[in-house]
Amino acid sequence: MKKLVRISVLILTLSAALLAESVDRAILKQQTPEYPAILKKLGIGGTVKLSALVAPDGSVKKTKIDGGNPMLGEIACAAVSKWKYAAASQPSNQPIEMTFDAKTASVTVK
């Protein structure tokens, strides 16, 4: 009986993980972050990798910094939290990569 309960819990856990798997969803509304003048002046730039948990209605529910400068990551997360994706039948995780170029004070999104 205990083995059956453990297997059931494992199946439920895996099912929940699959529900939020990465699915390529179209971005309907995208806001690129403003490059802070102080970071430009200090020459701080680089690439930040994020993941966004997107609800079925397309709203961003949660963002997480997966790599890069933490200051730039916070700026990127604040911008991504305002994005809107196409609706889907289930939540999904969307990988996002932003490059902050200190020389041109520009931000590009991949």
N, C-alpha and C. Protein backbone atom coordinates (compact mmCIF):
# COMPACT_ATOMS: atom_id res chain seq x y z
N MET A 1 0.82 -1.19 0.00
CA MET A 1 0.00 0.00 0.00
C MET A 1 0.87 1.27 0.00
N LYS A 2 1.95 1.27 0.83
CA LYS A 2 2.84 2.42 0.88
C LYS A 2 3.51 2.64 -0.47
N LYS A 3 3.83 1.56 -1.13
CA LYS A 3 4.48 1.66 -2.44
C LYS A 3 3.52 2.30 -3.45
N LEU A 4 2.26 1.94 -3.39
CA LEU A 4 1.25 2.52 -4.28
C LEU A 4 1.10 4.01 -4.03
N VAL A 5 1.12 4.42 -2.77
CA VAL A 5 1.02 5.84 -2.42
C VAL A 5 2.23 6.59 -2.95
N ARG A 6 3.42 6.03 -2.78
CA ARG A 6 4.63 6.67 -3.28
C ARG A 6 4.60 6.83 -4.80
N ILE A 7 4.15 5.80 -5.48
CA ILE A 7 4.07 5.86 -6.94
C ILE A 7 3.05 6.92 -7.36
N SER A 8 1.94 6.99 -6.66
CA SER A 8 0.91 8.00 -6.97
C SER A 8 1.45 9.41 -6.77
N VAL A 9 2.17 9.61 -5.69
CA VAL A 9 2.76 10.93 -5.42
C VAL A 9 3.77 11.29 -6.50
N LEU A 10 4.58 10.33 -6.91
CA LEU A 10 5.56 10.57 -7.96
C LEU A 10 4.87 10.93 -9.28
N ILE A 11 3.82 10.23 -9.61
CA ILE A 11 3.08 10.52 -10.85
C ILE A 11 2.47 11.91 -10.80
N LEU A 12 1.90 12.28 -9.68
CA LEU A 12 1.31 13.62 -9.54
C LEU A 12 2.38 14.71 -9.64
N THR A 13 3.52 14.48 -9.04
CA THR A 13 4.61 15.45 -9.09
C THR A 13 5.11 15.64 -10.52
N LEU A 14 5.30 14.54 -11.22
CA LEU A 14 5.75 14.62 -12.61
C LEU A 14 4.70 15.28 -13.50
N SER A 15 3.44 15.00 -13.24
CA SER A 15 2.37 15.62 -14.02
C SER A 15 2.35 17.13 -13.84
N ALA A 16 2.53 17.59 -12.61
CA ALA A 16 2.56 19.03 -12.33
C ALA A 16 3.74 19.68 -13.03
N ALA A 17 4.88 19.01 -13.06
CA ALA A 17 6.06 19.56 -13.74
C ALA A 17 5.83 19.67 -15.23
N LEU A 18 5.16 18.69 -15.80
CA LEU A 18 4.89 18.72 -17.23
C LEU A 18 3.89 19.81 -17.62
N LEU A 19 2.97 20.13 -16.70
CA LEU A 19 1.98 21.17 -16.99
C LEU A 19 2.65 22.52 -17.23
N ALA A 20 3.76 22.77 -16.56
CA ALA A 20 4.44 24.06 -16.70
C ALA A 20 5.68 23.93 -17.57
N GLU A 21 5.68 22.99 -18.50
CA GLU A 21 6.84 22.83 -19.36
C GLU A 21 6.98 23.99 -20.33
N SER A 22 8.14 24.11 -20.91
CA SER A 22 8.42 25.20 -21.83
C SER A 22 7.71 24.98 -23.16
N VAL A 23 6.86 25.91 -23.53
CA VAL A 23 6.13 25.89 -24.79
C VAL A 23 6.37 27.24 -25.45
N ASP A 24 6.67 27.24 -26.73
CA ASP A 24 6.94 28.50 -27.42
C ASP A 24 5.63 29.25 -27.64
N ARG A 25 5.45 30.35 -26.90
CA ARG A 25 4.23 31.16 -27.01
C ARG A 25 4.59 32.53 -27.55
N ALA A 26 3.73 33.06 -28.38
CA ALA A 26 3.95 34.38 -28.98
C ALA A 26 3.83 35.47 -27.92
N ILE A 27 4.71 36.46 -28.02
CA ILE A 27 4.65 37.61 -27.12
C ILE A 27 3.74 38.65 -27.77
N LEU A 28 2.68 39.02 -27.07
CA LEU A 28 1.73 40.01 -27.59
C LEU A 28 2.10 41.43 -27.18
N LYS A 29 2.65 41.56 -25.98
CA LYS A 29 3.05 42.87 -25.46
C LYS A 29 4.40 42.70 -24.78
N GLN A 30 5.39 43.45 -25.27
CA GLN A 30 6.74 43.33 -24.75
C GLN A 30 7.29 44.70 -24.39
N GLN A 31 7.78 44.84 -23.19
CA GLN A 31 8.38 46.09 -22.74
C GLN A 31 9.87 45.83 -22.51
N THR A 32 10.70 46.54 -23.24
CA THR A 32 12.15 46.43 -23.05
C THR A 32 12.54 47.34 -21.89
N PRO A 33 13.38 46.85 -21.00
CA PRO A 33 13.74 47.69 -19.84
C PRO A 33 14.57 48.91 -20.24
N GLU A 34 14.43 49.94 -19.47
CA GLU A 34 15.25 51.15 -19.62
C GLU A 34 16.63 50.85 -19.08
N TYR A 35 17.66 51.23 -19.83
CA TYR A 35 19.03 50.99 -19.36
C TYR A 35 19.38 52.07 -18.34
N PRO A 36 19.64 51.73 -17.10
CA PRO A 36 19.94 52.74 -16.08
C PRO A 36 21.23 53.51 -16.40
N ALA A 37 21.17 54.82 -16.31
CA ALA A 37 22.30 55.68 -16.63
C ALA A 37 23.53 55.36 -15.78
N ILE A 38 23.32 55.05 -14.52
CA ILE A 38 24.45 54.76 -13.63
C ILE A 38 25.19 53.50 -14.07
N LEU A 39 24.44 52.49 -14.54
CA LEU A 39 25.08 51.26 -15.00
C LEU A 39 25.84 51.50 -16.30
N LYS A 40 25.29 52.36 -17.16
CA LYS A 40 25.98 52.71 -18.39
C LYS A 40 27.28 53.45 -18.05
N LYS A 41 27.19 54.41 -17.13
CA LYS A 41 28.36 55.19 -16.74
C LYS A 41 29.45 54.31 -16.16
N LEU A 42 29.05 53.29 -15.40
CA LEU A 42 30.00 52.37 -14.79
C LEU A 42 30.46 51.27 -15.76
N GLY A 43 29.85 51.24 -16.95
CA GLY A 43 30.21 50.22 -17.94
C GLY A 43 29.71 48.83 -17.61
N ILE A 44 28.65 48.77 -16.83
CA ILE A 44 28.10 47.46 -16.43
C ILE A 44 27.10 47.01 -17.48
N GLY A 45 27.38 45.87 -18.06
CA GLY A 45 26.50 45.29 -19.07
C GLY A 45 26.63 43.79 -19.03
N GLY A 46 26.01 43.14 -19.96
CA GLY A 46 26.11 41.68 -20.03
C GLY A 46 24.79 41.05 -20.39
N THR A 47 24.81 39.74 -20.40
CA THR A 47 23.62 38.97 -20.76
C THR A 47 23.00 38.38 -19.51
N VAL A 48 21.68 38.46 -19.44
CA VAL A 48 20.91 37.91 -18.33
C VAL A 48 19.97 36.85 -18.88
N LYS A 49 19.94 35.71 -18.23
CA LYS A 49 19.00 34.64 -18.60
C LYS A 49 17.93 34.56 -17.53
N LEU A 50 16.67 34.53 -18.00
CA LEU A 50 15.52 34.48 -17.10
C LEU A 50 14.60 33.35 -17.52
N SER A 51 13.70 33.01 -16.63
CA SER A 51 12.57 32.17 -17.00
C SER A 51 11.33 32.83 -16.42
N ALA A 52 10.26 32.76 -17.20
CA ALA A 52 9.00 33.38 -16.78
C ALA A 52 7.92 32.31 -16.75
N LEU A 53 7.19 32.24 -15.65
CA LEU A 53 6.04 31.35 -15.55
C LEU A 53 4.84 32.13 -16.07
N VAL A 54 4.28 31.63 -17.16
CA VAL A 54 3.17 32.33 -17.84
C VAL A 54 1.88 31.55 -17.61
N ALA A 55 0.86 32.24 -17.13
CA ALA A 55 -0.45 31.64 -16.88
C ALA A 55 -1.16 31.35 -18.19
N PRO A 56 -2.20 30.51 -18.15
CA PRO A 56 -2.95 30.22 -19.38
C PRO A 56 -3.50 31.47 -20.07
N ASP A 57 -3.82 32.52 -19.31
CA ASP A 57 -4.35 33.74 -19.92
C ASP A 57 -3.26 34.61 -20.55
N GLY A 58 -1.99 34.21 -20.42
CA GLY A 58 -0.89 34.94 -21.05
C GLY A 58 -0.17 35.92 -20.14
N SER A 59 -0.66 36.09 -18.92
CA SER A 59 0.00 37.01 -17.99
C SER A 59 1.20 36.31 -17.34
N VAL A 60 2.22 37.10 -17.03
CA VAL A 60 3.42 36.56 -16.38
C VAL A 60 3.16 36.54 -14.88
N LYS A 61 3.23 35.35 -14.30
CA LYS A 61 2.95 35.19 -12.87
C LYS A 61 4.20 35.24 -12.01
N LYS A 62 5.34 34.82 -12.58
CA LYS A 62 6.56 34.75 -11.78
C LYS A 62 7.76 34.80 -12.72
N THR A 63 8.81 35.48 -12.29
CA THR A 63 10.06 35.49 -13.06
C THR A 63 11.19 35.02 -12.16
N LYS A 64 12.20 34.44 -12.79
CA LYS A 64 13.35 33.93 -12.04
C LYS A 64 14.61 34.20 -12.84
N ILE A 65 15.64 34.69 -12.16
CA ILE A 65 16.94 34.92 -12.80
C ILE A 65 17.67 33.59 -12.84
N ASP A 66 18.04 33.16 -14.05
CA ASP A 66 18.76 31.89 -14.22
C ASP A 66 20.26 32.10 -14.40
N GLY A 67 20.68 33.33 -14.68
CA GLY A 67 22.10 33.59 -14.84
C GLY A 67 22.35 35.04 -15.23
N GLY A 68 23.56 35.50 -14.94
CA GLY A 68 23.94 36.86 -15.30
C GLY A 68 24.03 37.76 -14.08
N ASN A 69 24.29 39.03 -14.36
CA ASN A 69 24.44 40.04 -13.32
C ASN A 69 23.12 40.22 -12.56
N PRO A 70 23.12 40.09 -11.22
CA PRO A 70 21.89 40.22 -10.45
C PRO A 70 21.21 41.58 -10.58
N MET A 71 21.99 42.67 -10.70
CA MET A 71 21.38 44.01 -10.86
C MET A 71 20.62 44.08 -12.18
N LEU A 72 21.25 43.62 -13.25
CA LEU A 72 20.59 43.61 -14.55
C LEU A 72 19.42 42.63 -14.55
N GLY A 73 19.58 41.54 -13.82
CA GLY A 73 18.51 40.54 -13.73
C GLY A 73 17.25 41.11 -13.11
N GLU A 74 17.40 41.91 -12.06
CA GLU A 74 16.24 42.52 -11.42
C GLU A 74 15.52 43.49 -12.37
N ILE A 75 16.31 44.24 -13.12
CA ILE A 75 15.74 45.18 -14.10
C ILE A 75 14.99 44.41 -15.18
N ALA A 76 15.59 43.32 -15.64
CA ALA A 76 14.95 42.49 -16.68
C ALA A 76 13.68 41.85 -16.15
N CYS A 77 13.71 41.34 -14.94
CA CYS A 77 12.52 40.71 -14.35
C CYS A 77 11.36 41.70 -14.22
N ALA A 78 11.68 42.91 -13.82
CA ALA A 78 10.63 43.94 -13.68
C ALA A 78 9.96 44.22 -15.02
N ALA A 79 10.75 44.23 -16.10
CA ALA A 79 10.18 44.47 -17.43
C ALA A 79 9.36 43.28 -17.90
N VAL A 80 9.90 42.07 -17.72
CA VAL A 80 9.21 40.86 -18.20
C VAL A 80 7.90 40.64 -17.45
N SER A 81 7.83 41.04 -16.20
CA SER A 81 6.59 40.86 -15.44
C SER A 81 5.43 41.64 -16.04
N LYS A 82 5.72 42.61 -16.91
CA LYS A 82 4.67 43.40 -17.57
C LYS A 82 4.32 42.87 -18.94
N TRP A 83 5.02 41.83 -19.40
CA TRP A 83 4.76 41.27 -20.73
C TRP A 83 3.43 40.52 -20.75
N LYS A 84 2.92 40.33 -21.96
CA LYS A 84 1.70 39.56 -22.17
C LYS A 84 1.97 38.58 -23.31
N TYR A 85 1.67 37.32 -23.06
CA TYR A 85 1.83 36.25 -24.05
C TYR A 85 0.48 35.82 -24.60
N ALA A 86 0.51 35.08 -25.69
CA ALA A 86 -0.70 34.50 -26.25
C ALA A 86 -1.29 33.51 -25.25
N ALA A 87 -2.59 33.40 -25.23
CA ALA A 87 -3.27 32.47 -24.33
C ALA A 87 -2.95 31.03 -24.73
N ALA A 88 -3.02 30.15 -23.75
CA ALA A 88 -2.80 28.72 -23.98
C ALA A 88 -3.67 27.93 -23.01
N SER A 89 -3.72 26.64 -23.20
CA SER A 89 -4.57 25.80 -22.36
C SER A 89 -3.96 25.51 -21.00
N GLN A 90 -2.66 25.74 -20.85
CA GLN A 90 -2.00 25.45 -19.58
C GLN A 90 -0.86 26.43 -19.34
N PRO A 91 -0.38 26.51 -18.10
CA PRO A 91 0.76 27.38 -17.83
C PRO A 91 2.01 26.87 -18.54
N SER A 92 2.97 27.77 -18.74
CA SER A 92 4.23 27.36 -19.37
C SER A 92 5.39 28.19 -18.84
N ASN A 93 6.58 27.64 -18.96
CA ASN A 93 7.80 28.35 -18.62
C ASN A 93 8.42 28.87 -19.90
N GLN A 94 8.73 30.16 -19.93
CA GLN A 94 9.31 30.78 -21.12
C GLN A 94 10.73 31.22 -20.82
N PRO A 95 11.71 30.69 -21.56
CA PRO A 95 13.09 31.15 -21.38
C PRO A 95 13.28 32.50 -22.08
N ILE A 96 14.01 33.39 -21.45
CA ILE A 96 14.24 34.73 -22.00
C ILE A 96 15.71 35.08 -21.80
N GLU A 97 16.29 35.71 -22.80
CA GLU A 97 17.67 36.16 -22.71
C GLU A 97 17.72 37.63 -23.10
N MET A 98 18.25 38.47 -22.22
CA MET A 98 18.39 39.90 -22.50
C MET A 98 19.86 40.28 -22.43
N THR A 99 20.28 41.05 -23.42
CA THR A 99 21.66 41.54 -23.44
C THR A 99 21.66 43.04 -23.24
N PHE A 100 22.36 43.48 -22.22
CA PHE A 100 22.51 44.89 -21.91
C PHE A 100 23.88 45.34 -22.43
N ASP A 101 23.88 46.26 -23.39
CA ASP A 101 25.13 46.75 -23.99
C ASP A 101 25.46 48.12 -23.41
N ALA A 102 26.50 48.18 -22.58
CA ALA A 102 26.85 49.42 -21.90
C ALA A 102 27.36 50.49 -22.87
N LYS A 103 27.97 50.08 -23.96
CA LYS A 103 28.51 51.04 -24.92
C LYS A 103 27.41 51.82 -25.63
N THR A 104 26.33 51.14 -25.99
CA THR A 104 25.24 51.79 -26.73
C THR A 104 24.02 52.07 -25.84
N ALA A 105 24.08 51.64 -24.59
CA ALA A 105 22.96 51.78 -23.66
C ALA A 105 21.68 51.17 -24.23
N SER A 106 21.84 50.02 -24.90
CA SER A 106 20.68 49.36 -25.49
C SER A 106 20.47 47.99 -24.86
N VAL A 107 19.24 47.51 -25.01
CA VAL A 107 18.87 46.20 -24.49
C VAL A 107 18.23 45.42 -25.63
N THR A 108 18.72 44.21 -25.88
CA THR A 108 18.13 43.34 -26.91
C THR A 108 17.60 42.09 -26.23
N VAL A 109 16.52 41.57 -26.79
CA VAL A 109 15.84 40.40 -26.23
C VAL A 109 15.92 39.26 -27.23
N LYS A 110 16.25 38.08 -26.73
CA LYS A 110 16.23 36.86 -27.57
C LYS A 110 15.21 35.91 -27.04
